[in-house]
Amino acid sequence: MENRIDLDEAAGLLVRHIPFWQTAGIVVDPVTWRDVGEPWPYPLKVDRATLIDADSVGIRTKKGGQEGQLVLYRGGWADLEYWSSSDEPLVEAPGTDNPLTLDDFDRLLYRFAALFDEG
């Protein structure tokens, strides 16, 4: 049986982090959802109520010359990307070997924001 993480609960965690990120000067684009209930290519939507079958929730951010995106998939893994004009891009897939829990995702959100402090 495929592991599943509750994307609505994960989105709630994500949304709770956004005001803190914004206070730190991080510009946050709207939260997006991928809808696999529609034909390929699967559209990204910002209105959760319009989705047929959500399989991911994600965010794009920027601060100065730094940018990042974090996408959580319902299978329990994430795509984390971070890049700046002065460093090599960071590309990771947390949870691919051991699916993330909501607590793991919450810690990943803190780690993601911290990348913008280091850059």
PDB file of N, CA and C in Angstrom:
ATOM      1  N   MET A   1       0.845  -1.189   0.000  1.00  0.00           N
ATOM      2  CA  MET A   1       0.000   0.000   0.000  1.00  0.00           C
ATOM      3  C   MET A   1       0.886   1.246   0.000  1.00  0.00           C
ATOM      4  N   GLU A   2       0.554   2.180  -0.849  1.00  0.00           N
ATOM      5  CA  GLU A   2       1.318   3.416  -0.959  1.00  0.00           C
ATOM      6  C   GLU A   2       1.098   4.283   0.280  1.00  0.00           C
ATOM      7  N   ASN A   3       2.197   4.815   0.808  1.00  0.00           N
ATOM      8  CA  ASN A   3       2.093   5.763   1.910  1.00  0.00           C
ATOM      9  C   ASN A   3       1.421   7.031   1.399  1.00  0.00           C
ATOM     10  N   ARG A   4       0.588   7.612   2.195  1.00  0.00           N
ATOM     11  CA  ARG A   4      -0.033   8.876   1.820  1.00  0.00           C
ATOM     12  C   ARG A   4       0.066   9.842   2.980  1.00  0.00           C
ATOM     13  N   ILE A   5       0.400  11.073   2.638  1.00  0.00           N
ATOM     14  CA  ILE A   5       0.435  12.142   3.619  1.00  0.00           C
ATOM     15  C   ILE A   5      -0.757  13.047   3.318  1.00  0.00           C
ATOM     16  N   ASP A   6      -1.406  13.540   4.333  1.00  0.00           N
ATOM     17  CA  ASP A   6      -2.584  14.391   4.152  1.00  0.00           C
ATOM     18  C   ASP A   6      -2.122  15.761   3.645  1.00  0.00           C
ATOM     19  N   LEU A   7      -2.371  16.029   2.377  1.00  0.00           N
ATOM     20  CA  LEU A   7      -1.910  17.277   1.773  1.00  0.00           C
ATOM     21  C   LEU A   7      -2.626  18.499   2.343  1.00  0.00           C
ATOM     22  N   ASP A   8      -3.865  18.340   2.767  1.00  0.00           N
ATOM     23  CA  ASP A   8      -4.570  19.469   3.357  1.00  0.00           C
ATOM     24  C   ASP A   8      -3.942  19.862   4.696  1.00  0.00           C
ATOM     25  N   GLU A   9      -3.586  18.872   5.498  1.00  0.00           N
ATOM     26  CA  GLU A   9      -2.903  19.177   6.757  1.00  0.00           C
ATOM     27  C   GLU A   9      -1.524  19.760   6.491  1.00  0.00           C
ATOM     28  N   ALA A  10      -0.829  19.222   5.495  1.00  0.00           N
ATOM     29  CA  ALA A  10       0.489  19.749   5.144  1.00  0.00           C
ATOM     30  C   ALA A  10       0.376  21.196   4.662  1.00  0.00           C
ATOM     31  N   ALA A  11      -0.651  21.486   3.883  1.00  0.00           N
ATOM     32  CA  ALA A  11      -0.858  22.855   3.415  1.00  0.00           C
ATOM     33  C   ALA A  11      -1.125  23.784   4.593  1.00  0.00           C
ATOM     34  N   GLY A  12      -1.844  23.287   5.596  1.00  0.00           N
ATOM     35  CA  GLY A  12      -2.071  24.081   6.800  1.00  0.00           C
ATOM     36  C   GLY A  12      -0.767  24.428   7.496  1.00  0.00           C
ATOM     37  N   LEU A  13       0.146  23.462   7.587  1.00  0.00           N
ATOM     38  CA  LEU A  13       1.468  23.734   8.161  1.00  0.00           C
ATOM     39  C   LEU A  13       2.199  24.784   7.327  1.00  0.00           C
ATOM     40  N   LEU A  14       2.171  24.611   6.045  1.00  0.00           N
ATOM     41  CA  LEU A  14       2.849  25.529   5.138  1.00  0.00           C
ATOM     42  C   LEU A  14       2.318  26.946   5.299  1.00  0.00           C
ATOM     43  N   VAL A  15       1.023  27.090   5.305  1.00  0.00           N
ATOM     44  CA  VAL A  15       0.399  28.412   5.419  1.00  0.00           C
ATOM     45  C   VAL A  15       0.760  29.073   6.748  1.00  0.00           C
ATOM     46  N   ARG A  16       0.906  28.298   7.801  1.00  0.00           N
ATOM     47  CA  ARG A  16       1.293  28.870   9.102  1.00  0.00           C
ATOM     48  C   ARG A  16       2.716  29.415   9.090  1.00  0.00           C
ATOM     49  N   HIS A  17       3.578  28.888   8.229  1.00  0.00           N
ATOM     50  CA  HIS A  17       4.953  29.378   8.142  1.00  0.00           C
ATOM     51  C   HIS A  17       5.070  30.677   7.343  1.00  0.00           C
ATOM     52  N   ILE A  18       4.167  30.894   6.413  1.00  0.00           N
ATOM     53  CA  ILE A  18       4.299  32.011   5.469  1.00  0.00           C
ATOM     54  C   ILE A  18       4.456  33.376   6.139  1.00  0.00           C
ATOM     55  N   PRO A  19       3.659  33.745   7.147  1.00  0.00           N
ATOM     56  CA  PRO A  19       3.842  35.068   7.752  1.00  0.00           C
ATOM     57  C   PRO A  19       5.248  35.267   8.338  1.00  0.00           C
ATOM     58  N   PHE A  20       5.821  34.221   8.895  1.00  0.00           N
ATOM     59  CA  PHE A  20       7.172  34.324   9.454  1.00  0.00           C
ATOM     60  C   PHE A  20       8.194  34.517   8.341  1.00  0.00           C
ATOM     61  N   TRP A  21       8.009  33.801   7.241  1.00  0.00           N
ATOM     62  CA  TRP A  21       8.908  33.962   6.096  1.00  0.00           C
ATOM     63  C   TRP A  21       8.815  35.379   5.552  1.00  0.00           C
ATOM     64  N   GLN A  22       7.596  35.897   5.432  1.00  0.00           N
ATOM     65  CA  GLN A  22       7.414  37.241   4.905  1.00  0.00           C
ATOM     66  C   GLN A  22       8.051  38.275   5.824  1.00  0.00           C
ATOM     67  N   THR A  23       7.950  38.087   7.124  1.00  0.00           N
ATOM     68  CA  THR A  23       8.592  38.991   8.076  1.00  0.00           C
ATOM     69  C   THR A  23      10.108  38.985   7.891  1.00  0.00           C
ATOM     70  N   ALA A  24      10.657  37.847   7.467  1.00  0.00           N
ATOM     71  CA  ALA A  24      12.097  37.725   7.222  1.00  0.00           C
ATOM     72  C   ALA A  24      12.490  38.235   5.826  1.00  0.00           C
ATOM     73  N   GLY A  25      11.541  38.808   5.091  1.00  0.00           N
ATOM     74  CA  GLY A  25      11.843  39.376   3.786  1.00  0.00           C
ATOM     75  C   GLY A  25      11.728  38.414   2.624  1.00  0.00           C
ATOM     76  N   ILE A  26      11.186  37.240   2.866  1.00  0.00           N
ATOM     77  CA  ILE A  26      11.008  36.259   1.794  1.00  0.00           C
ATOM     78  C   ILE A  26       9.671  36.535   1.106  1.00  0.00           C
ATOM     79  N   VAL A  27       9.719  36.686  -0.208  1.00  0.00           N
ATOM     80  CA  VAL A  27       8.508  36.883  -1.000  1.00  0.00           C
ATOM     81  C   VAL A  27       7.940  35.500  -1.322  1.00  0.00           C
ATOM     82  N   VAL A  28       6.684  35.306  -1.014  1.00  0.00           N
ATOM     83  CA  VAL A  28       6.055  33.999  -1.150  1.00  0.00           C
ATOM     84  C   VAL A  28       4.948  34.074  -2.201  1.00  0.00           C
ATOM     85  N   ASP A  29       5.078  33.264  -3.237  1.00  0.00           N
ATOM     86  CA  ASP A  29       4.014  33.159  -4.243  1.00  0.00           C
ATOM     87  C   ASP A  29       2.855  32.354  -3.654  1.00  0.00           C
ATOM     88  N   PRO A  30       1.695  32.400  -4.300  1.00  0.00           N
ATOM     89  CA  PRO A  30       0.563  31.618  -3.786  1.00  0.00           C
ATOM     90  C   PRO A  30       0.870  30.118  -3.723  1.00  0.00           C
ATOM     91  N   VAL A  31       0.275  29.463  -2.752  1.00  0.00           N
ATOM     92  CA  VAL A  31       0.379  28.010  -2.637  1.00  0.00           C
ATOM     93  C   VAL A  31      -0.289  27.397  -3.867  1.00  0.00           C
ATOM     94  N   THR A  32       0.377  26.402  -4.464  1.00  0.00           N
ATOM     95  CA  THR A  32      -0.193  25.741  -5.640  1.00  0.00           C
ATOM     96  C   THR A  32      -0.416  24.263  -5.361  1.00  0.00           C
ATOM     97  N   TRP A  33      -1.384  23.727  -6.061  1.00  0.00           N
ATOM     98  CA  TRP A  33      -1.764  22.320  -5.974  1.00  0.00           C
ATOM     99  C   TRP A  33      -1.707  21.738  -7.380  1.00  0.00           C
ATOM    100  N   ARG A  34      -1.240  20.502  -7.509  1.00  0.00           N
ATOM    101  CA  ARG A  34      -1.278  19.831  -8.812  1.00  0.00           C
ATOM    102  C   ARG A  34      -2.478  18.895  -8.837  1.00  0.00           C
ATOM    103  N   ASP A  35      -3.258  19.017  -9.898  1.00  0.00           N
ATOM    104  CA  ASP A  35      -4.492  18.252 -10.028  1.00  0.00           C
ATOM    105  C   ASP A  35      -4.310  17.130 -11.045  1.00  0.00           C
ATOM    106  N   VAL A  36      -4.170  15.889 -10.549  1.00  0.00           N
ATOM    107  CA  VAL A  36      -4.005  14.739 -11.446  1.00  0.00           C
ATOM    108  C   VAL A  36      -5.356  14.163 -11.870  1.00  0.00           C
ATOM    109  N   GLY A  37      -6.430  14.820 -11.495  1.00  0.00           N
ATOM    110  CA  GLY A  37      -7.753  14.406 -11.928  1.00  0.00           C
ATOM    111  C   GLY A  37      -8.116  14.967 -13.290  1.00  0.00           C
ATOM    112  N   GLU A  38      -7.252  15.801 -13.825  1.00  0.00           N
ATOM    113  CA  GLU A  38      -7.444  16.362 -15.154  1.00  0.00           C
ATOM    114  C   GLU A  38      -6.410  15.762 -16.095  1.00  0.00           C
ATOM    115  N   PRO A  39      -6.641  15.864 -17.397  1.00  0.00           N
ATOM    116  CA  PRO A  39      -5.702  15.281 -18.360  1.00  0.00           C
ATOM    117  C   PRO A  39      -4.318  15.920 -18.291  1.00  0.00           C
ATOM    118  N   TRP A  40      -3.325  15.127 -18.698  1.00  0.00           N
ATOM    119  CA  TRP A  40      -1.943  15.586 -18.801  1.00  0.00           C
ATOM    120  C   TRP A  40      -1.861  16.700 -19.823  1.00  0.00           C
ATOM    121  N   PRO A  41      -1.066  17.736 -19.654  1.00  0.00           N
ATOM    122  CA  PRO A  41      -0.214  17.979 -18.492  1.00  0.00           C
ATOM    123  C   PRO A  41      -1.050  18.462 -17.304  1.00  0.00           C
ATOM    124  N   TYR A  42      -0.775  17.888 -16.151  1.00  0.00           N
ATOM    125  CA  TYR A  42      -1.562  18.191 -14.959  1.00  0.00           C
ATOM    126  C   TYR A  42      -1.425  19.664 -14.589  1.00  0.00           C
ATOM    127  N   PRO A  43      -2.543  20.357 -14.437  1.00  0.00           N
ATOM    128  CA  PRO A  43      -2.469  21.789 -14.134  1.00  0.00           C
ATOM    129  C   PRO A  43      -2.134  22.059 -12.670  1.00  0.00           C
ATOM    130  N   LEU A  44      -1.491  23.207 -12.457  1.00  0.00           N
ATOM    131  CA  LEU A  44      -1.294  23.728 -11.108  1.00  0.00           C
ATOM    132  C   LEU A  44      -2.415  24.715 -10.843  1.00  0.00           C
ATOM    133  N   LYS A  45      -2.985  24.617  -9.659  1.00  0.00           N
ATOM    134  CA  LYS A  45      -4.098  25.495  -9.298  1.00  0.00           C
ATOM    135  C   LYS A  45      -3.840  26.106  -7.927  1.00  0.00           C
ATOM    136  N   VAL A  46      -4.418  27.276  -7.702  1.00  0.00           N
ATOM    137  CA  VAL A  46      -4.279  27.912  -6.393  1.00  0.00           C
ATOM    138  C   VAL A  46      -5.543  27.741  -5.541  1.00  0.00           C
ATOM    139  N   ASP A  47      -6.645  27.391  -6.144  1.00  0.00           N
ATOM    140  CA  ASP A  47      -7.899  27.211  -5.418  1.00  0.00           C
ATOM    141  C   ASP A  47      -8.122  25.727  -5.137  1.00  0.00           C
ATOM    142  N   ARG A  48      -7.883  25.318  -3.921  1.00  0.00           N
ATOM    143  CA  ARG A  48      -7.996  23.907  -3.531  1.00  0.00           C
ATOM    144  C   ARG A  48      -9.373  23.342  -3.844  1.00  0.00           C
ATOM    145  N   ALA A  49     -10.396  24.156  -3.723  1.00  0.00           N
ATOM    146  CA  ALA A  49     -11.766  23.686  -3.924  1.00  0.00           C
ATOM    147  C   ALA A  49     -12.039  23.256  -5.361  1.00  0.00           C
ATOM    148  N   THR A  50     -11.212  23.673  -6.299  1.00  0.00           N
ATOM    149  CA  THR A  50     -11.453  23.341  -7.709  1.00  0.00           C
ATOM    150  C   THR A  50     -10.760  22.054  -8.145  1.00  0.00           C
ATOM    151  N   LEU A  51      -9.998  21.428  -7.259  1.00  0.00           N
ATOM    152  CA  LEU A  51      -9.258  20.226  -7.639  1.00  0.00           C
ATOM    153  C   LEU A  51     -10.137  18.988  -7.652  1.00  0.00           C
ATOM    154  N   ILE A  52      -9.827  18.112  -8.596  1.00  0.00           N
ATOM    155  CA  ILE A  52     -10.493  16.822  -8.667  1.00  0.00           C
ATOM    156  C   ILE A  52      -9.711  15.803  -7.838  1.00  0.00           C
ATOM    157  N   ASP A  53      -8.376  15.784  -8.015  1.00  0.00           N
ATOM    158  CA  ASP A  53      -7.526  14.804  -7.335  1.00  0.00           C
ATOM    159  C   ASP A  53      -6.144  15.419  -7.105  1.00  0.00           C
ATOM    160  N   ALA A  54      -5.939  16.009  -5.939  1.00  0.00           N
ATOM    161  CA  ALA A  54      -4.662  16.659  -5.625  1.00  0.00           C
ATOM    162  C   ALA A  54      -3.595  15.624  -5.329  1.00  0.00           C
ATOM    163  N   ASP A  55      -2.422  15.786  -5.948  1.00  0.00           N
ATOM    164  CA  ASP A  55      -1.325  14.874  -5.608  1.00  0.00           C
ATOM    165  C   ASP A  55      -0.096  15.620  -5.110  1.00  0.00           C
ATOM    166  N   SER A  56      -0.141  16.955  -5.096  1.00  0.00           N
ATOM    167  CA  SER A  56       0.967  17.705  -4.505  1.00  0.00           C
ATOM    168  C   SER A  56       0.512  19.096  -4.112  1.00  0.00           C
ATOM    169  N   VAL A  57       1.266  19.667  -3.177  1.00  0.00           N
ATOM    170  CA  VAL A  57       1.082  21.050  -2.770  1.00  0.00           C
ATOM    171  C   VAL A  57       2.474  21.670  -2.695  1.00  0.00           C
ATOM    172  N   GLY A  58       2.591  22.914  -3.152  1.00  0.00           N
ATOM    173  CA  GLY A  58       3.920  23.499  -3.193  1.00  0.00           C
ATOM    174  C   GLY A  58       3.913  25.008  -3.089  1.00  0.00           C
ATOM    175  N   ILE A  59       5.131  25.528  -3.016  1.00  0.00           N
ATOM    176  CA  ILE A  59       5.348  26.963  -2.841  1.00  0.00           C
ATOM    177  C   ILE A  59       6.614  27.388  -3.579  1.00  0.00           C
ATOM    178  N   ARG A  60       6.593  28.597  -4.111  1.00  0.00           N
ATOM    179  CA  ARG A  60       7.795  29.213  -4.700  1.00  0.00           C
ATOM    180  C   ARG A  60       8.091  30.465  -3.888  1.00  0.00           C
ATOM    181  N   THR A  61       9.375  30.715  -3.663  1.00  0.00           N
ATOM    182  CA  THR A  61       9.786  31.837  -2.836  1.00  0.00           C
ATOM    183  C   THR A  61      10.999  32.526  -3.443  1.00  0.00           C
ATOM    184  N   LYS A  62      11.220  33.773  -3.006  1.00  0.00           N
ATOM    185  CA  LYS A  62      12.425  34.488  -3.422  1.00  0.00           C
ATOM    186  C   LYS A  62      12.766  35.556  -2.393  1.00  0.00           C
ATOM    187  N   LYS A  63      14.047  35.867  -2.363  1.00  0.00           N
ATOM    188  CA  LYS A  63      14.543  36.921  -1.480  1.00  0.00           C
ATOM    189  C   LYS A  63      15.828  37.433  -2.110  1.00  0.00           C
ATOM    190  N   GLY A  64      15.803  38.657  -2.596  1.00  0.00           N
ATOM    191  CA  GLY A  64      16.978  39.192  -3.277  1.00  0.00           C
ATOM    192  C   GLY A  64      17.331  38.317  -4.465  1.00  0.00           C
ATOM    193  N   GLY A  65      18.581  37.867  -4.528  1.00  0.00           N
ATOM    194  CA  GLY A  65      19.037  36.998  -5.605  1.00  0.00           C
ATOM    195  C   GLY A  65      18.838  35.520  -5.332  1.00  0.00           C
ATOM    196  N   GLN A  66      18.050  35.181  -4.317  1.00  0.00           N
ATOM    197  CA  GLN A  66      17.809  33.783  -3.955  1.00  0.00           C
ATOM    198  C   GLN A  66      16.395  33.380  -4.363  1.00  0.00           C
ATOM    199  N   GLU A  67      16.262  32.137  -4.785  1.00  0.00           N
ATOM    200  CA  GLU A  67      14.942  31.607  -5.121  1.00  0.00           C
ATOM    201  C   GLU A  67      14.853  30.161  -4.649  1.00  0.00           C
ATOM    202  N   GLY A  68      13.642  29.716  -4.428  1.00  0.00           N
ATOM    203  CA  GLY A  68      13.458  28.334  -4.031  1.00  0.00           C
ATOM    204  C   GLY A  68      12.054  27.860  -4.299  1.00  0.00           C
ATOM    205  N   GLN A  69      11.932  26.563  -4.291  1.00  0.00           N
ATOM    206  CA  GLN A  69      10.600  25.975  -4.349  1.00  0.00           C
ATOM    207  C   GLN A  69      10.615  24.672  -3.568  1.00  0.00           C
ATOM    208  N   LEU A  70       9.468  24.394  -2.980  1.00  0.00           N
ATOM    209  CA  LEU A  70       9.294  23.193  -2.184  1.00  0.00           C
ATOM    210  C   LEU A  70       7.937  22.603  -2.529  1.00  0.00           C
ATOM    211  N   VAL A  71       7.940  21.350  -2.957  1.00  0.00           N
ATOM    212  CA  VAL A  71       6.708  20.666  -3.342  1.00  0.00           C
ATOM    213  C   VAL A  71       6.632  19.357  -2.558  1.00  0.00           C
ATOM    214  N   LEU A  72       5.504  19.130  -1.912  1.00  0.00           N
ATOM    215  CA  LEU A  72       5.254  17.883  -1.183  1.00  0.00           C
ATOM    216  C   LEU A  72       4.245  17.059  -1.962  1.00  0.00           C
ATOM    217  N   TYR A  73       4.570  15.793  -2.180  1.00  0.00           N
ATOM    218  CA  TYR A  73       3.693  14.870  -2.893  1.00  0.00           C
ATOM    219  C   TYR A  73       2.983  13.971  -1.895  1.00  0.00           C
ATOM    220  N   ARG A  74       1.783  13.569  -2.234  1.00  0.00           N
ATOM    221  CA  ARG A  74       0.984  12.771  -1.300  1.00  0.00           C
ATOM    222  C   ARG A  74       1.610  11.417  -0.980  1.00  0.00           C
ATOM    223  N   GLY A  75       2.557  10.979  -1.779  1.00  0.00           N
ATOM    224  CA  GLY A  75       3.270   9.741  -1.489  1.00  0.00           C
ATOM    225  C   GLY A  75       4.278   9.883  -0.360  1.00  0.00           C
ATOM    226  N   GLY A  76       4.487  11.116   0.131  1.00  0.00           N
ATOM    227  CA  GLY A  76       5.351  11.329   1.284  1.00  0.00           C
ATOM    228  C   GLY A  76       6.755  11.806   0.964  1.00  0.00           C
ATOM    229  N   TRP A  77       7.020  12.212  -0.261  1.00  0.00           N
ATOM    230  CA  TRP A  77       8.333  12.762  -0.584  1.00  0.00           C
ATOM    231  C   TRP A  77       8.158  14.203  -1.037  1.00  0.00           C
ATOM    232  N   ALA A  78       9.262  14.915  -1.085  1.00  0.00           N
ATOM    233  CA  ALA A  78       9.239  16.326  -1.475  1.00  0.00           C
ATOM    234  C   ALA A  78      10.340  16.602  -2.481  1.00  0.00           C
ATOM    235  N   ASP A  79      10.137  17.635  -3.252  1.00  0.00           N
ATOM    236  CA  ASP A  79      11.183  18.206  -4.101  1.00  0.00           C
ATOM    237  C   ASP A  79      11.551  19.543  -3.498  1.00  0.00           C
ATOM    238  N   LEU A  80      12.804  19.696  -3.120  1.00  0.00           N
ATOM    239  CA  LEU A  80      13.301  20.943  -2.561  1.00  0.00           C
ATOM    240  C   LEU A  80      14.363  21.470  -3.510  1.00  0.00           C
ATOM    241  N   GLU A  81      14.185  22.699  -3.950  1.00  0.00           N
ATOM    242  CA  GLU A  81      15.173  23.357  -4.804  1.00  0.00           C
ATOM    243  C   GLU A  81      15.447  24.738  -4.245  1.00  0.00           C
ATOM    244  N   TYR A  82      16.719  25.094  -4.226  1.00  0.00           N
ATOM    245  CA  TYR A  82      17.134  26.412  -3.761  1.00  0.00           C
ATOM    246  C   TYR A  82      18.326  26.837  -4.602  1.00  0.00           C
ATOM    247  N   TRP A  83      18.327  28.073  -5.025  1.00  0.00           N
ATOM    248  CA  TRP A  83      19.464  28.574  -5.776  1.00  0.00           C
ATOM    249  C   TRP A  83      19.641  30.059  -5.519  1.00  0.00           C
ATOM    250  N   SER A  84      20.880  30.497  -5.642  1.00  0.00           N
ATOM    251  CA  SER A  84      21.219  31.909  -5.523  1.00  0.00           C
ATOM    252  C   SER A  84      22.249  32.228  -6.588  1.00  0.00           C
ATOM    253  N   SER A  85      22.510  33.496  -6.753  1.00  0.00           N
ATOM    254  CA  SER A  85      23.458  33.904  -7.790  1.00  0.00           C
ATOM    255  C   SER A  85      24.900  33.557  -7.422  1.00  0.00           C
ATOM    256  N   SER A  86      25.154  33.240  -6.153  1.00  0.00           N
ATOM    257  CA  SER A  86      26.533  33.005  -5.727  1.00  0.00           C
ATOM    258  C   SER A  86      26.870  31.550  -5.400  1.00  0.00           C
ATOM    259  N   ASP A  87      25.882  30.669  -5.376  1.00  0.00           N
ATOM    260  CA  ASP A  87      26.126  29.276  -4.979  1.00  0.00           C
ATOM    261  C   ASP A  87      25.608  28.310  -6.033  1.00  0.00           C
ATOM    262  N   GLU A  88      26.091  27.076  -5.919  1.00  0.00           N
ATOM    263  CA  GLU A  88      25.542  26.011  -6.742  1.00  0.00           C
ATOM    264  C   GLU A  88      24.108  25.727  -6.287  1.00  0.00           C
ATOM    265  N   PRO A  89      23.216  25.383  -7.202  1.00  0.00           N
ATOM    266  CA  PRO A  89      21.844  25.060  -6.792  1.00  0.00           C
ATOM    267  C   PRO A  89      21.815  23.851  -5.860  1.00  0.00           C
ATOM    268  N   LEU A  90      20.882  23.883  -4.948  1.00  0.00           N
ATOM    269  CA  LEU A  90      20.625  22.760  -4.054  1.00  0.00           C
ATOM    270  C   LEU A  90      19.359  22.077  -4.542  1.00  0.00           C
ATOM    271  N   VAL A  91      19.454  20.805  -4.851  1.00  0.00           N
ATOM    272  CA  VAL A  91      18.296  20.031  -5.307  1.00  0.00           C
ATOM    273  C   VAL A  91      18.266  18.746  -4.488  1.00  0.00           C
ATOM    274  N   GLU A  92      17.178  18.553  -3.754  1.00  0.00           N
ATOM    275  CA  GLU A  92      17.034  17.378  -2.903  1.00  0.00           C
ATOM    276  C   GLU A  92      15.637  16.799  -3.055  1.00  0.00           C
ATOM    277  N   ALA A  93      15.499  15.557  -2.649  1.00  0.00           N
ATOM    278  CA  ALA A  93      14.197  14.879  -2.670  1.00  0.00           C
ATOM    279  C   ALA A  93      13.976  14.176  -1.331  1.00  0.00           C
ATOM    280  N   PRO A  94      13.777  14.940  -0.253  1.00  0.00           N
ATOM    281  CA  PRO A  94      13.557  14.315   1.051  1.00  0.00           C
ATOM    282  C   PRO A  94      12.323  13.407   1.032  1.00  0.00           C
ATOM    283  N   GLY A  95      12.457  12.270   1.676  1.00  0.00           N
ATOM    284  CA  GLY A  95      11.344  11.340   1.784  1.00  0.00           C
ATOM    285  C   GLY A  95      11.312  10.265   0.720  1.00  0.00           C
ATOM    286  N   THR A  96      12.230  10.308  -0.237  1.00  0.00           N
ATOM    287  CA  THR A  96      12.184   9.286  -1.289  1.00  0.00           C
ATOM    288  C   THR A  96      12.540   7.908  -0.740  1.00  0.00           C
ATOM    289  N   ASP A  97      13.443   7.854   0.221  1.00  0.00           N
ATOM    290  CA  ASP A  97      13.828   6.572   0.814  1.00  0.00           C
ATOM    291  C   ASP A  97      12.959   6.199   2.013  1.00  0.00           C
ATOM    292  N   ASN A  98      12.513   7.196   2.738  1.00  0.00           N
ATOM    293  CA  ASN A  98      11.709   6.996   3.936  1.00  0.00           C
ATOM    294  C   ASN A  98      10.632   8.085   3.939  1.00  0.00           C
ATOM    295  N   PRO A  99       9.389   7.764   3.617  1.00  0.00           N
ATOM    296  CA  PRO A  99       8.352   8.784   3.459  1.00  0.00           C
ATOM    297  C   PRO A  99       8.248   9.724   4.655  1.00  0.00           C
ATOM    298  N   LEU A 100       8.007  10.989   4.341  1.00  0.00           N
ATOM    299  CA  LEU A 100       7.880  12.026   5.350  1.00  0.00           C
ATOM    300  C   LEU A 100       6.561  11.905   6.109  1.00  0.00           C
ATOM    301  N   THR A 101       6.594  12.295   7.352  1.00  0.00           N
ATOM    302  CA  THR A 101       5.394  12.475   8.154  1.00  0.00           C
ATOM    303  C   THR A 101       5.089  13.972   8.164  1.00  0.00           C
ATOM    304  N   LEU A 102       3.978  14.343   8.755  1.00  0.00           N
ATOM    305  CA  LEU A 102       3.681  15.772   8.884  1.00  0.00           C
ATOM    306  C   LEU A 102       4.724  16.473   9.746  1.00  0.00           C
ATOM    307  N   ASP A 103       5.203  15.810  10.793  1.00  0.00           N
ATOM    308  CA  ASP A 103       6.262  16.407  11.624  1.00  0.00           C
ATOM    309  C   ASP A 103       7.542  16.600  10.819  1.00  0.00           C
ATOM    310  N   ASP A 104       7.879  15.611   9.987  1.00  0.00           N
ATOM    311  CA  ASP A 104       9.056  15.746   9.115  1.00  0.00           C
ATOM    312  C   ASP A 104       8.891  16.927   8.168  1.00  0.00           C
ATOM    313  N   PHE A 105       7.699  17.069   7.601  1.00  0.00           N
ATOM    314  CA  PHE A 105       7.444  18.165   6.674  1.00  0.00           C
ATOM    315  C   PHE A 105       7.554  19.509   7.387  1.00  0.00           C
ATOM    316  N   ASP A 106       7.060  19.595   8.611  1.00  0.00           N
ATOM    317  CA  ASP A 106       7.168  20.836   9.378  1.00  0.00           C
ATOM    318  C   ASP A 106       8.640  21.195   9.577  1.00  0.00           C
ATOM    319  N   ARG A 107       9.467  20.213   9.923  1.00  0.00           N
ATOM    320  CA  ARG A 107      10.911  20.479  10.074  1.00  0.00           C
ATOM    321  C   ARG A 107      11.535  20.897   8.740  1.00  0.00           C
ATOM    322  N   LEU A 108      11.069  20.307   7.660  1.00  0.00           N
ATOM    323  CA  LEU A 108      11.573  20.671   6.337  1.00  0.00           C
ATOM    324  C   LEU A 108      11.219  22.115   5.989  1.00  0.00           C
ATOM    325  N   LEU A 109      10.056  22.579   6.406  1.00  0.00           N
ATOM    326  CA  LEU A 109       9.669  23.967   6.168  1.00  0.00           C
ATOM    327  C   LEU A 109      10.608  24.928   6.894  1.00  0.00           C
ATOM    328  N   TYR A 110      10.988  24.600   8.127  1.00  0.00           N
ATOM    329  CA  TYR A 110      11.955  25.427   8.859  1.00  0.00           C
ATOM    330  C   TYR A 110      13.311  25.421   8.137  1.00  0.00           C
ATOM    331  N   ARG A 111      13.731  24.262   7.715  1.00  0.00           N
ATOM    332  CA  ARG A 111      15.023  24.136   7.022  1.00  0.00           C
ATOM    333  C   ARG A 111      15.019  24.916   5.707  1.00  0.00           C
ATOM    334  N   PHE A 112      13.926  24.827   4.976  1.00  0.00           N
ATOM    335  CA  PHE A 112      13.790  25.540   3.711  1.00  0.00           C
ATOM    336  C   PHE A 112      13.949  27.051   3.928  1.00  0.00           C
ATOM    337  N   ALA A 113      13.259  27.597   4.911  1.00  0.00           N
ATOM    338  CA  ALA A 113      13.352  29.029   5.188  1.00  0.00           C
ATOM    339  C   ALA A 113      14.762  29.424   5.616  1.00  0.00           C
ATOM    340  N   ALA A 114      15.429  28.547   6.381  1.00  0.00           N
ATOM    341  CA  ALA A 114      16.784  28.840   6.857  1.00  0.00           C
ATOM    342  C   ALA A 114      17.781  28.977   5.710  1.00  0.00           C
ATOM    343  N   LEU A 115      17.527  28.323   4.591  1.00  0.00           N
ATOM    344  CA  LEU A 115      18.412  28.447   3.435  1.00  0.00           C
ATOM    345  C   LEU A 115      18.517  29.899   2.981  1.00  0.00           C
ATOM    346  N   PHE A 116      17.433  30.670   3.136  1.00  0.00           N
ATOM    347  CA  PHE A 116      17.429  32.066   2.718  1.00  0.00           C
ATOM    348  C   PHE A 116      18.213  32.955   3.677  1.00  0.00           C
ATOM    349  N   ASP A 117      18.399  32.483   4.907  1.00  0.00           N
ATOM    350  CA  ASP A 117      19.226  33.228   5.862  1.00  0.00           C
ATOM    351  C   ASP A 117      20.707  33.004   5.574  1.00  0.00           C
ATOM    352  N   GLU A 118      21.016  31.798   5.064  1.00  0.00           N
ATOM    353  CA  GLU A 118      22.421  31.438   4.805  1.00  0.00           C
ATOM    354  C   GLU A 118      22.934  32.063   3.521  1.00  0.00           C
ATOM    355  N   GLY A 119      22.034  32.301   2.559  1.00  0.00           N
ATOM    356  CA  GLY A 119      22.430  32.749   1.222  1.00  0.00           C
ATOM    357  C   GLY A 119      22.847  34.162   1.117  1.00  0.00           C
TER     358      GLY A 119
END
